[in-house]
C-alpha atoms as a PDB file:
ATOM      1  CA  MET A   1     168.923 130.657  63.617  1.00  0.00           C
ATOM      2  CA  LYS A   2     170.654 134.491  65.323  1.00  0.00           C
ATOM      3  CA  LYS A   3     168.029 135.696  67.790  1.00  0.00           C
ATOM      4  CA  ASN A   4     167.289 139.406  67.485  1.00  0.00           C
ATOM      5  CA  SER A   5     165.993 140.358  70.967  1.00  0.00           C
ATOM      6  CA  ALA A   6     164.454 143.632  69.773  1.00  0.00           C
ATOM      7  CA  ALA A   7     162.496 142.396  66.748  1.00  0.00           C
ATOM      8  CA  PRO A   8     160.521 139.884  68.906  1.00  0.00           C
ATOM      9  CA  ASP A   9     160.098 142.733  71.371  1.00  0.00           C
ATOM     10  CA  SER A  10     158.251 144.975  68.706  1.00  0.00           C
ATOM     11  CA  TRP A  11     156.647 142.003  67.591  1.00  0.00           C
ATOM     12  CA  LYS A  12     154.939 141.249  70.795  1.00  0.00           C
ATOM     13  CA  ARG A  13     154.067 145.023  71.266  1.00  0.00           C
ATOM     14  CA  GLU A  14     152.185 145.361  67.552  1.00  0.00           C
ATOM     15  CA  TYR A  15     150.257 142.177  68.480  1.00  0.00           C
ATOM     16  CA  ASP A  16     148.952 143.590  71.947  1.00  0.00           C
ATOM     17  CA  ARG A  17     148.347 146.882  70.338  1.00  0.00           C
ATOM     18  CA  LEU A  18     146.203 144.696  67.429  1.00  0.00           C
ATOM     19  CA  ARG A  19     144.563 143.019  70.127  1.00  0.00           C
ATOM     20  CA  LYS A  20     143.278 145.969  72.139  1.00  0.00           C
ATOM     21  CA  GLY A  21     141.929 147.250  68.498  1.00  0.00           C
ATOM     22  CA  LEU A  22     139.548 144.301  68.458  1.00  0.00           C
ATOM     23  CA  ALA A  23     137.783 145.229  71.666  1.00  0.00           C
ATOM     24  CA  ALA A  24     137.337 148.388  70.081  1.00  0.00           C
ATOM     25  CA  ILE A  25     136.138 147.520  66.777  1.00  0.00           C
ATOM     26  CA  GLY A  26     132.468 147.707  67.278  1.00  0.00           C
ATOM     27  CA  TYR A  27     129.388 145.838  65.299  1.00  0.00           C
ATOM     28  CA  ILE A  28     130.161 143.649  62.095  1.00  0.00           C
ATOM     29  CA  SER A  29     128.330 142.129  59.646  1.00  0.00           C
ATOM     30  CA  GLN A  30     129.463 140.283  56.283  1.00  0.00           C
ATOM     31  CA  GLY A  31     128.508 141.747  52.695  1.00  0.00           C
ATOM     32  CA  SER A  32     128.387 144.622  50.991  1.00  0.00           C
ATOM     33  CA  VAL A  33     125.802 147.827  51.023  1.00  0.00           C
ATOM     34  CA  LEU A  34     124.446 149.860  48.040  1.00  0.00           C
ATOM     35  CA  ASN A  35     123.123 153.145  47.514  1.00  0.00           C
ATOM     36  CA  ARG A  36     120.872 152.625  44.163  1.00  0.00           C
ATOM     37  CA  SER A  37     120.512 156.637  44.057  1.00  0.00           C
ATOM     38  CA  SER A  38     124.487 156.528  42.769  1.00  0.00           C
ATOM     39  CA  LEU A  39     123.723 154.119  40.102  1.00  0.00           C
ATOM     40  CA  ARG A  40     123.233 155.221  36.265  1.00  0.00           C
ATOM     41  CA  PRO A  41     119.978 156.013  36.002  1.00  0.00           C
ATOM     42  CA  PRO A  42     119.558 156.711  39.540  1.00  0.00           C
ATOM     43  CA  ARG A  43     117.089 154.295  41.295  1.00  0.00           C
ATOM     44  CA  SER A  44     115.833 154.751  44.639  1.00  0.00           C
ATOM     45  CA  GLY A  45     116.401 152.957  48.037  1.00  0.00           C
ATOM     46  CA  TYR A  46     119.542 150.832  49.860  1.00  0.00           C
ATOM     47  CA  GLN A  47     120.466 147.412  49.489  1.00  0.00           C
ATOM     48  CA  TRP A  48     122.769 144.701  51.749  1.00  0.00           C
ATOM     49  CA  THR A  49     123.768 141.897  49.954  1.00  0.00           C
ATOM     50  CA  ARG A  50     125.488 138.832  51.296  1.00  0.00           C
ATOM     51  CA  LYS A  51     126.043 134.751  50.008  1.00  0.00           C
ATOM     52  CA  VAL A  52     124.575 132.260  52.355  1.00  0.00           C
ATOM     53  CA  ALA A  53     125.273 128.688  51.523  1.00  0.00           C
ATOM     54  CA  GLY A  54     126.135 130.114  48.112  1.00  0.00           C
ATOM     55  CA  LYS A  55     123.015 131.767  47.350  1.00  0.00           C
ATOM     56  CA  THR A  56     123.499 135.692  46.927  1.00  0.00           C
ATOM     57  CA  ILE A  57     120.363 137.409  49.406  1.00  0.00           C
ATOM     58  CA  THR A  58     119.911 140.274  48.425  1.00  0.00           C
ATOM     59  CA  VAL A  59     117.974 142.817  51.474  1.00  0.00           C
ATOM     60  CA  ALA A  60     116.085 146.568  50.864  1.00  0.00           C
ATOM     61  CA  LEU A  61     117.382 148.891  53.796  1.00  0.00           C
ATOM     62  CA  SER A  62     116.247 152.324  55.002  1.00  0.00           C
ATOM     63  CA  LYS A  63     118.627 154.914  55.115  1.00  0.00           C
ATOM     64  CA  GLN A  64     119.377 154.314  58.357  1.00  0.00           C
ATOM     65  CA  GLN A  65     120.116 150.661  58.272  1.00  0.00           C
ATOM     66  CA  PHE A  66     122.145 151.889  55.323  1.00  0.00           C
ATOM     67  CA  GLU A  67     124.502 153.836  56.992  1.00  0.00           C
ATOM     68  CA  ALA A  68     124.814 151.311  60.219  1.00  0.00           C
ATOM     69  CA  LEU A  69     125.490 148.782  58.058  1.00  0.00           C
ATOM     70  CA  SER A  70     128.188 150.759  56.126  1.00  0.00           C
ATOM     71  CA  LEU A  71     129.938 151.143  58.993  1.00  0.00           C
ATOM     72  CA  ALA A  72     129.452 147.726  60.236  1.00  0.00           C
ATOM     73  CA  VAL A  73     131.150 145.884  56.804  1.00  0.00           C
ATOM     74  CA  GLN A  74     133.952 148.176  56.904  1.00  0.00           C
ATOM     75  CA  ASN A  75     134.517 147.293  60.761  1.00  0.00           C
ATOM     76  CA  GLU A  76     134.353 143.531  59.780  1.00  0.00           C
ATOM     77  CA  ARG A  77     137.025 144.185  56.772  1.00  0.00           C
ATOM     78  CA  LYS A  78     138.729 145.833  59.395  1.00  0.00           C
ATOM     79  CA  LEU A  79     138.641 142.984  61.848  1.00  0.00           C
ATOM     80  CA  TRP A  80     139.604 139.964  59.389  1.00  0.00           C
ATOM     81  CA  LYS A  81     142.713 142.735  58.038  1.00  0.00           C
ATOM     82  CA  MET A  82     143.662 142.675  61.808  1.00  0.00           C
ATOM     83  CA  ILE A  83     143.099 139.192  62.714  1.00  0.00           C
ATOM     84  CA  ARG A  84     145.645 138.471  59.035  1.00  0.00           C
ATOM     85  CA  LYS A  85     148.215 140.629  60.867  1.00  0.00           C
ATOM     86  CA  MET A  86     147.655 138.528  64.560  1.00  0.00           C
ATOM     87  CA  GLU A  87     148.046 135.217  62.434  1.00  0.00           C
ATOM     88  CA  ASN A  88     151.153 136.428  61.143  1.00  0.00           C
ATOM     89  CA  LEU A  89     152.606 137.497  64.100  1.00  0.00           C
ATOM     90  CA  SER A  90     151.922 134.864  65.953  1.00  0.00           C
ATOM     91  CA  ARG A  91     154.044 132.521  63.588  1.00  0.00           C
ATOM     92  CA  ARG A  92     156.700 135.294  63.855  1.00  0.00           C
ATOM     93  CA  ILE A  93     156.901 135.230  67.601  1.00  0.00           C
ATOM     94  CA  LEU A  94     156.521 131.409  67.651  1.00  0.00           C
ATOM     95  CA  PHE A  95     158.925 130.391  65.467  1.00  0.00           C
ATOM     96  CA  GLU A  96     161.643 132.811  66.717  1.00  0.00           C
ATOM     97  CA  ASN A  97     161.047 132.141  70.516  1.00  0.00           C
ATOM     98  CA  GLN A  98     160.386 128.688  70.751  1.00  0.00           C
ATOM     99  CA  PRO A  99     163.062 125.824  70.371  1.00  0.00           C
ATOM    100  CA  HIS A 100     162.771 123.824  66.606  1.00  0.00           C
ATOM    101  CA  THR A 101     164.394 120.821  64.623  1.00  0.00           C
ATOM    102  CA  ARG A 102     167.760 121.345  63.429  1.00  0.00           C
ATOM    103  CA  ARG A 103     167.330 122.329  59.551  1.00  0.00           C
ATOM    104  CA  ARG A 104     170.037 122.244  56.874  1.00  0.00           C
ATOM    105  CA  LYS A 105     168.556 125.834  55.949  1.00  0.00           C
ATOM    106  CA  ARG A 106     166.160 128.047  57.144  1.00  0.00           C
ATOM    107  CA  LEU A 107     162.493 128.351  56.882  1.00  0.00           C
ATOM    108  CA  SER A 108     161.168 131.262  54.847  1.00  0.00           C
ATOM    109  CA  ASN A 109     158.859 133.776  54.736  1.00  0.00           C
ATOM    110  CA  LYS A 110     156.759 131.992  52.270  1.00  0.00           C
ATOM    111  CA  VAL A 111     156.775 128.477  53.727  1.00  0.00           C
ATOM    112  CA  LEU A 112     156.289 130.361  57.449  1.00  0.00           C
ATOM    113  CA  GLY A 113     153.315 131.960  55.178  1.00  0.00           C
ATOM    114  CA  LEU A 114     154.434 135.702  56.061  1.00  0.00           C
ATOM    115  CA  VAL A 115     154.237 136.760  52.196  1.00  0.00           C
END
């Protein structure tokens, strides 16, 4: 396998950028929030819904709770997206920089879980 020193350095910089971004993520929450006044026909109130042990739990919210939980749900989705990117970069870096066994053919991106 050919060594490309520029690519792993850029991968490491990207990984560090993502790692620092994790610290700035803020509050997180699973689930989804719903502004019921935007439904047809309009209804009053806000809801937060999530799954717990295979069951859907719904909680009524105030407008302030809705706004705060809406941001927390967005942050959680951003968090998991960042973690997936970090996992892929970790595998790229580890398979590029660590000694490996002799193989007849190179490992594909699909085998490494990068696709």
